[in-house]
Amino acid sequence: MQNYLIKLYHGYNKWKNIFSNFLDEIGKTLKWQKIILGLNYLKWEYFYSLTCDRETYSPFESKFYTSFNDFQIIKDDKWVFDYVWEKAVLWEITLENSWFFPFKIDTSDNTDFIFNIFRTFENFDVTSDKIGIFLEFTPIKEESIWFYLKSRFRFFLFRIMLWLQFFKYILNFKTQKDWKLVGRNYFQEKLNKELFETKIYIVAQSKDKNEAISRIKSIFNNFLVLNNYPLNQFNLKIQNHISSINNISQGKSPVRKYILSSLEITSFFHFPSNPKWETSLLKVTAKKLTLPIWVPTIDYKVENNWEITPQNIDSNMNVIWISDYRSIRVPVWIYDEDRLRHTYVIGKTGVWKSKFIANLFINDIHSGKWLGIIDPHWDLFEEALASIPESRKNDVIIFDPTDEKFPFCFNPLDVQEWESKQILAKWFIDIFKKFFGANWNPKLEHVLRMVFLALLDKKDSTLFDVIRALTDKDFRYTMIESISDDVVRNFWTNEFASWSQQFNTEAIMPILNKVGQILSVDIIKNIFASKENKLDFRKMMDEGKIFLVKLPKWKLQEEIMGFLGAMIITKIFQASMSRQSEAKDKRKPFFLYVDEFQNFATDTFSEILAEARKYWLWLIVAHQFIKQIPTKISESLFGNVWTLVSFRISSEDALYIKQQFDPFLDAYDLANLSQREFYAKMIVAGQVKDPFSLKTPFLPDSPLDKKYIEELYSISRSKYSRSLEEAKKITQTEQKDVIEKIESFVEPII
């Protein structure tokens, strides 16, 4: 038999009759099939359990979820019946008289038997006590009731016993005159309900057996309120045999059977009416939503640890999720065309967002897709490297500033003929605006616009030339010669030279400080020093490359990390926009993954979200909470993203995000998901689907083959990097004057 845990939904507020009706449905469906329900205590936690065989589980589950829609049943191989038998005892709860004599049936919703059990649990030892109250029952076929009576009591003897029992009580007690009518009505009412062969027993484990017996007696005291003296009452009976304890998990306990109705069982075993107030009770922390129709699924294999492994994956399948609704646990995939509208992932740290993203891009890599990954940590970057197949090792481009001996050659001011200088200048300004923050002002924007428009016109410009343009009069003379825009030329020829010292302080010094801060870091200086840009972003997107960007916060300053990432995203978007000259059927999709994207999200990001899909740049962005990004970008996200993935988020974010999931979820559900669990709202074949519950597939950390990783680095270095010696030679010759100014804090020369 298999053990399961039953999780109660925190918002459940129904009453005892629901449980009684559920038992009636079980009685009509499952005849002579054994079921064990348990209420357990372990380490200050209370949980309900279910034990049955596999044939019984399926029909039981169907009836259970009909009555308790938002509850959850999960497999358990550990907690139920896991007792140290040397310290455990088993006592059965019996009836003093035969089962056809009534005990008190409590159907009132004003009292709650289970509530009193919980209060008893509160007095137990959190370190040593484990308790289980078990209800073992088997539904009886109606046509077998009389056979049961004849075989055990013989019906004639039963009638005599009934008279003798009542006659006995009449002699000893003054009972109501209509006792005969009451007895007959009770028995008739009982036979009209679904009946069950029922065993009730308690298993307890504590520091020693005497303590365990004490725990059982404490629990049994709650049953005394159901005594109907003198007709019937509950008693305790010890089962000393070790064999009886060992057999209970298989439904073979030697405990005495009683025939009880669904109503009688509900008097002492049911679900609490308001589980949300029971902080120690195992509950469903977040509602489960069913898989909508037409969502594509795939074959799978169930592993020994109950994990689901997809099978027979086609290159066109993006297998990213496991549906997580009751017994429906199948791999789910998404069409490439539906990813065109971008994917937005939000969730707290430690909820497996990174594993979700890794699972998706690993699938993309192995199916031959073209993609880029920008990782502000290192884990996604390493997962990607470890998953590169031998057949694609020449497609890999590695941008790793921490690879200090081989600096990447990246010059963002190197303009290709397909790039718009006006748009690039605007986007560069947006980057600086983000990093100036509250110190940003119109004067800074004006100066930077003129600087970038001038330098983008000048061949072989680098970021070092930003400092030259603001401090070197001779450089400005040569720069002016290449300026094609009259307004920009007039600024540098006339306006700039006439500015006062105050303007220099407000607009020029902050720029020098900010750019100087970036270029003063050796590993960054060596990247930006070269006039040559070895990476053509347009070719990268069109020739099926895998672009891996590692920007670890622990190694780079956060501001510099954000600056690099924003520059790279800007160049990728500019390259994608140049595709407008190509026919749509010739454009190849490029998937750009950006983890912790708030670090790189400038105002330009809103444009990217709105426009990128036209040029087949498909974004997958992730972060932790909404306040990390400006309102303008968050509004653009929810206006342009069609696949929304929400892991566990803060209560504040849940109030906002729930609007995207109305009316299916509330903020409590979104804020209380377990690790690996998430909700998704997506489109399937262009059609919007209701949100549903999913789980990130188990993805063990990929083993790193250091030799193979070094080979990937070597291939990338040979194409896109230069040696440290070459980089230093450039900085010490071509950029020497700027480096000296940065180091000596030279005031701007006008």
Foldseek 3Di string as FASTA:
>chain_A
DFKKWKFAAQAFFDALVLQLVLVLVCLVPFAQFKKKWKWKDALLFITIMIAGDPVSVPVNLVSVCVSRVFMAIGTDDDDPLNDPLQQKWKKWKDKPDAQLFFWAQDRDRVDDLVVLLSVLSVPDDSPFKMKMKMKMKGWHDLVCPQVVCCVPQRVVNVVVVVVVVVVVCVVVHPDDPCPVVVSVVSNVVFSVFTKIFIIIMMMMGGPHNVVRVVSVVSSCVSQQVRGDPPRMGMDMGTDPDSVLSVCVSVVPHPGHIHIGGSSRVSRNDDDRSRCNVVPNYRHDQFGFFDDDPPFDFADWDQDPVRFTGGPDDALQWQFQWFFDRHPRTTTTTAGPVQLLLFEEEAAAPPQCPLLSVLSRVLSCQVSLAAEEEADQACQSLQSVLLSHDPVALLQEAEQELVVQQWAFAAFLLADDPLFDQQVSLVLLLLLVCVLCDPLDDPLQSVLSSLLSQLSSQDALDFLLVSQCLFFPPVVLVVSLVRRDDPVSSCCSVPVSVPDDPVSCVSHPLVVLVVSLVLCLDSSSVLRGLGSDFLDDLLCSQLVRHYYYYYNYCVVDPLSNSLSVVLSVVSNNQSSLVSCVVPDPVSQGAYEYEYEQCLSNDTLCLLVCSVPNSVSRYRYHYYHYADVSHDPSNVVSCVVRHAKYKAAAHDLVRLCVCCVVQPPPGHSSNRNRHHRQKIKIWTAHPNHTDHIGIIGGRDDDRRDDDPVSSVVSVVSNSVRGTHGSVVSVVSCVPVVVVSNVCSVVVDRGDD
